[in-house]
Protein backbone atom coordinates (compact mmCIF):
# COMPACT_ATOMS: atom_id res chain seq x y z
CA MET A 1 45.98 103.76 0.68
CA VAL A 2 46.43 100.27 -1.09
CA ALA A 3 49.41 99.45 1.31
CA MET A 4 47.12 100.52 4.34
CA ALA A 5 44.13 98.19 3.04
CA ARG A 6 46.66 95.39 2.62
CA SER A 7 48.04 95.98 6.13
CA THR A 8 44.53 96.10 7.56
CA ALA A 9 43.48 92.95 5.82
CA GLY A 10 46.53 91.12 7.01
CA LEU A 11 45.92 92.14 10.63
CA VAL A 12 42.37 91.11 10.52
CA LEU A 13 43.32 87.84 9.03
CA LEU A 14 45.96 87.26 11.88
CA LEU A 15 43.49 88.44 14.59
CA GLY A 16 40.77 86.38 13.20
CA ALA A 17 42.97 83.26 13.05
CA LEU A 18 44.01 83.66 16.70
CA SER A 19 40.51 84.32 17.73
CA ALA A 20 39.36 81.34 15.81
CA LEU A 21 41.28 78.89 18.25
CA THR A 22 38.50 79.30 20.82
CA PRO A 23 35.47 78.27 18.70
CA ALA A 24 37.83 75.46 17.18
CA SER A 25 38.48 74.31 20.75
CA ILE A 26 34.90 74.22 21.62
CA ASP A 27 33.38 72.99 18.15
CA MET A 28 35.81 70.26 16.81
CA TYR A 29 35.34 67.79 19.47
CA LEU A 30 31.47 68.07 19.56
CA PRO A 31 30.67 65.38 17.10
CA SER A 32 32.83 63.08 19.29
CA PHE A 33 30.62 63.64 22.38
CA PRO A 34 29.04 60.21 22.30
CA ALA A 35 32.26 58.28 21.49
CA LEU A 36 34.27 60.19 24.09
CA GLY A 37 31.60 59.32 26.68
CA ARG A 38 32.00 55.62 25.74
CA ALA A 39 35.79 55.65 25.83
CA LEU A 40 35.96 57.34 29.24
CA ASP A 41 32.99 55.53 30.64
CA ALA A 42 31.29 58.92 31.22
CA SER A 43 27.60 60.13 31.21
CA PRO A 44 26.27 62.61 28.81
CA ALA A 45 26.07 65.06 31.79
CA ALA A 46 29.77 64.43 32.63
CA VAL A 47 30.91 64.75 28.96
CA GLN A 48 29.09 68.13 28.89
CA LEU A 49 31.08 69.37 31.86
CA THR A 50 34.12 69.08 29.58
CA LEU A 51 32.45 71.98 27.71
CA SER A 52 31.13 73.81 30.77
CA ALA A 53 34.76 73.69 32.23
CA TYR A 54 36.07 75.10 29.23
CA LEU A 55 33.63 77.93 29.22
CA ILE A 56 34.19 78.79 32.99
CA GLY A 57 37.96 78.79 32.17
CA LEU A 58 37.29 81.19 29.44
CA GLY A 59 35.62 83.67 31.92
CA VAL A 60 38.16 83.47 34.49
CA GLY A 61 41.17 83.68 32.19
CA GLN A 62 39.60 86.61 30.47
CA ALA A 63 39.32 88.38 33.97
CA LEU A 64 43.14 87.79 34.32
CA TYR A 65 44.27 88.96 30.87
CA GLY A 66 42.26 92.15 30.72
CA PRO A 67 44.60 94.17 33.21
CA LEU A 68 47.77 92.30 32.15
CA ALA A 69 47.32 93.33 28.40
CA ASP A 70 46.73 97.04 29.72
CA ARG A 71 49.69 96.94 31.76
CA PHE A 72 52.20 94.89 29.97
CA GLY A 73 51.20 95.43 26.32
CA ARG A 74 49.58 93.09 23.83
CA ARG A 75 52.12 90.63 22.47
CA GLN A 76 53.86 89.23 25.52
CA PRO A 77 50.58 87.98 27.58
CA LEU A 78 49.23 86.59 24.16
CA ALA A 79 52.42 84.65 23.50
CA ALA A 80 52.45 83.23 27.11
CA GLY A 81 48.81 82.13 27.03
CA LEU A 82 49.20 80.31 23.71
CA SER A 83 52.16 78.39 25.16
CA VAL A 84 50.19 77.30 28.12
CA TYR A 85 47.29 76.49 25.87
CA ALA A 86 49.44 74.26 23.73
CA LEU A 87 50.73 72.22 26.84
CA ALA A 88 47.23 72.04 28.33
CA SER A 89 46.06 70.59 24.79
CA ILE A 90 48.67 67.84 24.98
CA GLY A 91 47.36 67.01 28.43
CA CYS A 92 43.97 66.69 27.09
CA ALA A 93 45.14 64.28 24.34
CA LEU A 94 46.65 62.04 27.06
CA ALA A 95 43.85 62.26 29.64
CA PRO A 96 43.04 58.84 31.28
CA THR A 97 39.69 59.71 32.88
CA ILE A 98 36.79 62.21 32.40
CA HIS A 99 37.80 64.04 35.58
CA ALA A 100 41.43 64.51 34.20
CA LEU A 101 39.83 65.78 30.91
CA ILE A 102 37.52 68.22 32.66
CA ALA A 103 40.31 69.73 34.76
CA LEU A 104 42.65 69.96 31.69
CA ARG A 105 40.06 71.74 29.55
CA PHE A 106 39.74 74.38 32.39
CA VAL A 107 43.44 75.02 32.25
CA GLN A 108 43.40 74.93 28.46
CA ALA A 109 40.65 77.66 28.53
CA ILE A 110 42.29 79.89 31.16
CA ALA A 111 45.45 79.94 28.87
CA GLY A 112 43.68 80.29 25.55
CA SER A 113 41.40 83.19 26.62
CA ALA A 114 44.05 85.53 25.65
CA CYS A 115 43.08 84.98 22.31
CA LEU A 116 39.76 86.55 22.89
CA VAL A 117 40.58 89.49 25.11
CA ILE A 118 43.66 90.76 23.20
CA PRO A 119 42.62 90.91 19.53
CA ARG A 120 39.47 92.92 20.65
CA ALA A 121 41.69 95.26 22.38
CA ILE A 122 44.08 95.60 19.46
CA VAL A 123 41.00 96.56 17.35
CA ARG A 124 40.10 99.19 19.71
CA ASP A 125 43.67 100.43 19.93
CA LEU A 126 43.80 101.08 16.25
CA PHE A 127 40.18 102.02 15.14
CA GLU A 128 37.36 104.40 16.12
CA PRO A 129 34.04 102.95 17.52
CA GLN A 130 31.97 102.73 14.33
CA GLU A 131 34.94 101.37 12.33
CA SER A 132 35.70 99.06 15.18
CA ALA A 133 32.25 97.46 14.68
CA ARG A 134 33.12 96.74 10.94
CA ILE A 135 36.32 95.26 11.89
CA PHE A 136 34.73 93.06 14.44
CA SER A 137 32.41 92.10 11.64
CA LEU A 138 35.30 91.08 9.55
CA LEU A 139 36.74 89.11 12.24
CA MET A 140 33.64 87.25 12.53
CA LEU A 141 34.02 86.43 8.96
CA VAL A 142 37.50 84.79 9.63
CA VAL A 143 36.30 83.36 13.21
CA GLY A 144 33.21 82.04 11.65
CA VAL A 145 35.01 79.50 9.37
CA ALA A 146 35.91 77.68 12.62
CA PRO A 147 32.43 76.52 13.45
CA ILE A 148 31.84 75.49 9.79
CA LEU A 149 35.16 73.58 9.48
CA ALA A 150 35.85 72.50 12.90
CA PRO A 151 32.97 69.85 13.48
CA VAL A 152 33.53 68.39 10.00
CA ALA A 153 37.36 68.28 10.56
CA GLY A 154 36.87 66.89 14.01
CA SER A 155 34.33 64.25 12.71
CA GLN A 156 36.81 63.17 10.26
CA ILE A 157 39.82 63.17 12.62
CA ALA A 158 37.96 61.28 15.11
CA SER A 159 36.83 58.65 12.68
CA ALA A 160 40.26 58.17 11.50
CA ALA A 161 42.36 58.67 14.58
CA GLY A 162 40.02 58.92 17.55
CA TRP A 163 39.03 61.64 19.64
CA ARG A 164 42.49 62.13 21.27
CA ALA A 165 43.92 63.29 17.86
CA ILE A 166 41.70 66.29 18.03
CA PHE A 167 43.47 67.62 21.09
CA ALA A 168 46.94 67.03 19.41
CA LEU A 169 45.86 69.08 16.53
CA LEU A 170 44.79 71.84 18.82
CA ALA A 171 48.28 71.60 20.55
CA LEU A 172 49.84 72.18 16.99
CA LEU A 173 47.66 75.23 16.49
CA GLY A 174 48.55 76.71 19.78
CA ILE A 175 52.38 76.21 18.92
CA ALA A 176 51.57 77.95 15.44
CA GLY A 177 50.02 80.93 17.18
CA VAL A 178 52.87 81.52 19.53
CA ALA A 179 55.08 81.79 16.26
CA ALA A 180 52.68 84.12 14.59
CA THR A 181 52.50 86.26 17.60
CA LEU A 182 56.01 86.63 18.12
CA VAL A 183 56.90 87.12 14.38
CA ALA A 184 53.90 88.85 12.74
CA LEU A 185 51.85 90.74 15.27
CA PRO A 186 52.69 94.28 16.06
CA GLU A 187 52.42 95.89 19.55
CA THR A 188 49.67 98.27 19.58
CA ARG A 189 49.93 99.39 23.19
CA PRO A 190 52.69 102.00 23.55
CA ARG A 191 54.67 101.95 26.95
CA SER A 192 53.29 105.62 27.51
CA ALA A 193 49.76 104.39 27.43
CA ARG A 194 50.12 101.36 29.62
CA SER A 195 48.33 101.33 32.92
CA GLY A 196 49.90 101.26 36.25
CA GLY A 197 46.75 100.88 38.15
CA SER A 198 45.26 97.54 39.58
CA GLY A 199 42.82 95.63 37.61
CA ILE A 200 40.15 96.03 40.20
CA ALA A 201 40.33 99.89 39.56
CA ASP A 202 40.31 99.53 35.83
CA TYR A 203 37.26 96.98 36.13
CA GLY A 204 35.42 99.51 38.52
CA ARG A 205 35.55 102.39 36.09
CA VAL A 206 34.10 100.25 33.36
CA LEU A 207 31.42 98.84 35.58
CA SER A 208 30.44 102.11 36.89
CA ASP A 209 29.47 103.21 33.28
CA ARG A 210 25.71 102.19 33.04
CA ARG A 211 25.97 102.38 29.28
CA ALA A 212 29.08 100.27 28.76
CA LEU A 213 27.53 97.89 31.35
CA GLY A 214 24.23 97.57 29.34
CA PHE A 215 26.22 96.69 26.09
CA ILE A 216 28.28 94.18 27.95
CA LEU A 217 25.23 92.43 29.76
CA GLY A 218 23.17 92.68 26.58
CA GLY A 219 25.86 90.99 24.29
CA GLY A 220 27.07 88.66 26.93
CA LEU A 221 23.83 87.28 27.99
CA ALA A 222 22.87 86.81 24.00
CA MET A 223 25.77 84.41 23.82
CA GLY A 224 24.15 82.18 26.36
CA GLY A 225 21.80 81.21 23.43
CA LEU A 226 24.61 80.15 21.12
CA PHE A 227 26.10 78.05 23.69
CA ALA A 228 23.05 76.25 24.65
CA TYR A 229 22.78 75.35 21.21
CA ILE A 230 26.53 74.27 20.99
CA SER A 231 26.03 72.13 24.07
CA GLY A 232 22.72 70.67 23.38
CA SER A 233 22.79 70.06 19.58
CA PRO A 234 24.86 67.06 19.51
CA PHE A 235 22.36 64.98 21.73
CA VAL A 236 19.35 66.78 20.05
CA LEU A 237 20.43 66.35 16.44
CA ILE A 238 22.40 63.18 16.67
CA GLU A 239 20.51 61.07 19.46
CA HIS A 240 16.96 62.37 19.32
CA TYR A 241 16.79 63.06 15.58
CA GLY A 242 19.19 60.29 14.50
CA LEU A 243 21.58 62.33 12.46
CA SER A 244 25.18 60.92 11.94
CA ALA A 245 28.21 62.63 13.13
CA ARG A 246 29.06 63.63 9.48
CA ALA A 247 25.56 64.90 8.80
CA TYR A 248 25.60 66.89 12.21
CA GLY A 249 28.77 68.47 11.17
CA LEU A 250 27.11 69.64 7.78
CA VAL A 251 24.10 70.94 9.73
CA PHE A 252 26.35 72.80 12.30
CA GLY A 253 28.50 74.23 9.38
CA SER A 254 25.48 75.60 7.66
CA ILE A 255 23.95 77.36 10.86
CA ALA A 256 27.38 78.81 11.24
CA ALA A 257 27.36 80.05 7.80
CA GLY A 258 24.24 81.91 8.56
CA LEU A 259 26.12 83.71 11.37
CA ILE A 260 28.76 84.69 8.98
CA ALA A 261 26.35 86.09 6.51
CA ALA A 262 24.65 88.19 9.00
CA SER A 263 27.89 89.52 10.29
CA GLN A 264 28.72 90.66 6.79
CA TRP A 265 25.43 92.31 6.23
CA ASN A 266 26.22 94.12 9.26
CA ARG A 267 29.11 95.68 7.58
CA ARG A 268 26.82 97.08 5.02
CA LEU A 269 24.16 98.39 7.65
CA LEU A 270 27.07 100.21 9.45
CA ALA A 271 27.54 102.30 6.36
CA ARG A 272 24.03 103.67 6.96
CA TYR A 273 23.07 103.25 10.59
CA PRO A 274 24.79 103.67 13.95
CA SER A 275 25.75 100.35 15.43
CA ARG A 276 23.47 100.99 18.63
CA ASP A 277 20.30 101.10 16.30
CA ILE A 278 21.36 97.90 14.62
CA LEU A 279 21.99 96.24 17.99
CA THR A 280 18.47 97.15 19.23
CA VAL A 281 16.76 95.83 16.45
CA ALA A 282 18.72 92.49 16.51
CA LEU A 283 18.20 91.90 20.29
CA VAL A 284 14.35 92.16 19.63
CA LEU A 285 14.55 89.61 16.64
CA ASN A 286 16.51 87.20 18.83
CA VAL A 287 13.70 87.20 21.39
CA VAL A 288 11.11 86.71 18.51
CA LEU A 289 12.88 83.69 17.19
CA GLY A 290 13.64 82.40 20.69
CA VAL A 291 9.84 82.12 21.30
CA GLY A 292 9.59 80.48 17.90
CA LEU A 293 12.10 77.80 18.93
CA VAL A 294 10.35 77.08 22.28
CA LEU A 295 7.15 76.50 20.39
CA VAL A 296 8.98 74.07 17.85
CA GLY A 297 10.97 72.27 20.43
CA SER A 298 7.98 71.91 22.77
CA THR A 299 5.39 70.60 20.18
CA GLY A 300 7.62 69.01 17.52
CA PHE A 301 5.74 71.12 14.88
CA GLY A 302 7.42 70.94 11.48
CA GLY A 303 9.91 68.27 12.73
CA LEU A 304 13.60 68.60 12.09
CA PRO A 305 13.41 70.93 9.30
CA ALA A 306 11.33 73.56 11.24
CA LEU A 307 13.88 73.35 14.08
CA ILE A 308 16.85 73.69 11.86
CA VAL A 309 15.33 76.83 10.27
CA PHE A 310 14.70 78.43 13.49
CA LEU A 311 18.09 77.57 14.82
CA LEU A 312 19.64 79.03 11.73
CA LEU A 313 17.65 82.29 12.11
CA PHE A 314 18.25 82.65 15.93
CA ILE A 315 21.98 82.10 15.49
CA SER A 316 22.18 84.31 12.54
CA THR A 317 21.01 87.39 14.78
CA LEU A 318 24.27 86.93 16.84
CA GLY A 319 26.12 88.06 13.74
CA LEU A 320 24.42 91.45 14.22
CA ILE A 321 24.47 91.65 18.03
CA GLN A 322 27.97 90.47 18.91
CA PRO A 323 30.24 92.98 16.71
CA ASN A 324 27.88 96.05 17.58
CA ALA A 325 27.74 95.11 21.34
CA ILE A 326 31.42 94.87 21.66
CA ALA A 327 32.15 98.03 19.55
CA CYS A 328 29.84 99.87 21.79
CA ALA A 329 31.12 98.34 25.10
CA LEU A 330 34.66 99.45 24.33
CA ALA A 331 33.77 102.77 22.60
CA ASP A 332 34.20 105.01 25.57
CA HIS A 333 37.03 103.09 27.25
CA PRO A 334 40.11 103.22 24.79
CA GLU A 335 42.65 103.68 27.64
CA ARG A 336 41.45 100.42 29.40
CA ALA A 337 40.51 98.61 26.21
CA ALA A 338 41.62 95.10 27.32
CA SER A 339 40.10 95.40 30.60
CA ALA A 340 36.56 96.38 29.08
CA SER A 341 37.21 93.45 26.56
CA ALA A 342 37.74 91.25 29.52
CA LEU A 343 34.54 92.24 31.22
CA TYR A 344 32.83 91.51 28.16
CA GLY A 345 34.33 88.08 27.82
CA VAL A 346 33.63 87.32 31.58
CA VAL A 347 30.18 87.89 31.36
CA GLN A 348 29.77 86.30 27.94
CA PHE A 349 31.39 82.93 28.91
CA GLY A 350 30.04 83.19 32.54
CA VAL A 351 26.56 83.02 30.99
CA ALA A 352 27.71 80.53 28.34
CA SER A 353 28.96 78.03 31.08
CA ALA A 354 25.65 78.40 33.07
CA ALA A 355 23.55 77.89 29.88
CA SER A 356 25.70 74.86 28.93
CA ALA A 357 25.39 73.46 32.29
CA LEU A 358 21.50 74.20 32.52
CA VAL A 359 20.97 72.26 29.24
CA GLY A 360 22.91 69.42 30.61
CA ALA A 361 21.05 69.24 33.87
CA LEU A 362 17.74 69.51 32.22
CA HIS A 363 18.50 67.03 29.44
CA ASP A 364 15.40 64.81 28.73
CA ASP A 365 16.31 63.32 25.20
CA THR A 366 14.00 66.14 23.59
CA PRO A 367 14.72 69.53 22.23
CA ARG A 368 12.94 71.29 25.04
CA SER A 369 15.79 72.08 27.39
CA MET A 370 18.01 73.40 24.71
CA THR A 371 15.42 75.62 23.04
CA ALA A 372 14.15 77.02 26.64
CA VAL A 373 17.60 78.11 27.66
CA MET A 374 18.12 79.75 24.29
CA ALA A 375 15.02 81.80 24.56
CA ILE A 376 15.67 82.81 28.12
CA SER A 377 19.14 84.13 27.13
CA GLY A 378 17.48 86.29 24.49
CA VAL A 379 15.01 87.75 26.84
CA GLY A 380 17.47 88.34 29.56
CA ALA A 381 19.86 90.17 27.01
CA LEU A 382 17.00 92.32 25.71
CA ALA A 383 15.82 93.26 29.05
CA MET A 384 19.16 94.28 30.57
CA TYR A 385 20.02 96.21 27.44
CA ARG A 386 16.94 98.33 27.46
CA TRP A 387 17.17 98.88 31.27
CA LEU A 388 20.83 100.06 31.28
CA VAL A 389 21.25 101.83 27.92
CA LYS A 390 17.74 102.92 27.52
CA PRO A 391 18.09 103.06 23.80
CA GLY A 392 15.57 105.31 21.79
CA PRO A 393 13.57 104.00 18.68
CA PRO A 394 16.03 103.11 16.19
CA ARG A 395 15.86 104.47 12.49
CA ARG A 396 14.08 101.90 10.26
CA LEU A 397 16.65 99.52 8.99
């Protein structure tokens, strides 16, 4: 039992580290947005397109990796994706124009999306649904360190060596990921279980499952709120409220700590309640807090402290939403877990890219556009979940 626990802990740590590469790729360069724009002579909207392109690439890439990982196993597609990610990161570090950086970020994301699809599929390969939700919560503990450390580290690196050094570091992390995959990651998809069908057929089977689609849309739409915050917060907190890049990193990290704390509270709740009940309550809370954000962002009531409190609470609900939505979406499709995982990611980052672009398009030097998009994402998530899953009243948490 002790050996099994140690093995599980090591696997979670490795999968979490691989999964953390995506939030690190997003969050590490956020404090350098204004400096990057000045260096490449780009507007705030153009700089935000480097984030939107990355999010779109994550959606496209995950759609490709799902069937590949179901057909060819987990390790080889993951190692190949990380290799291309490292090369694209080097290209980002050398990008001469904002247009080149946008294109290279898109390639970087397509390659790195393997780190999202395949770890989730590995968890479903090894664990039953309720236990999967607990493992996903543990993964969020590891992955959640990235949003705390990445902006702080990114601001320090950018101050010392410029924003290009951030992408050089991401290239080194990609190379380390290739080595870890080839040396330490077991193959959890036996040859006898590998799909010989087309990706379209696998996706069709998942999409025809109304409940699975409800969990995918509920969890995926909720992530739009997170990426509206990620996209809009540098300009809201640094330019509108006047925080320094270092202070922004501390605020960003504190809010990420709330997300981690909620995900670990989720582990305790799962010992007493079904994951679907927790998901139902968390989605309702997300909507209520989204309405509060709109009021604070529109009226300025309470100033920066009130905005930070509502951001903290809103983002923290995602620590309850995401592990349970993912576990429920994959629960009934163990034979095509990577394809179901990919569909979840496609919706998640498709919505995220749209939310990020919308925040940029509506940018008006106030918190209004960011908070409005966050609230809309929460309302959409709850509406689709209730329509497709038709959950009964949850037990009192």
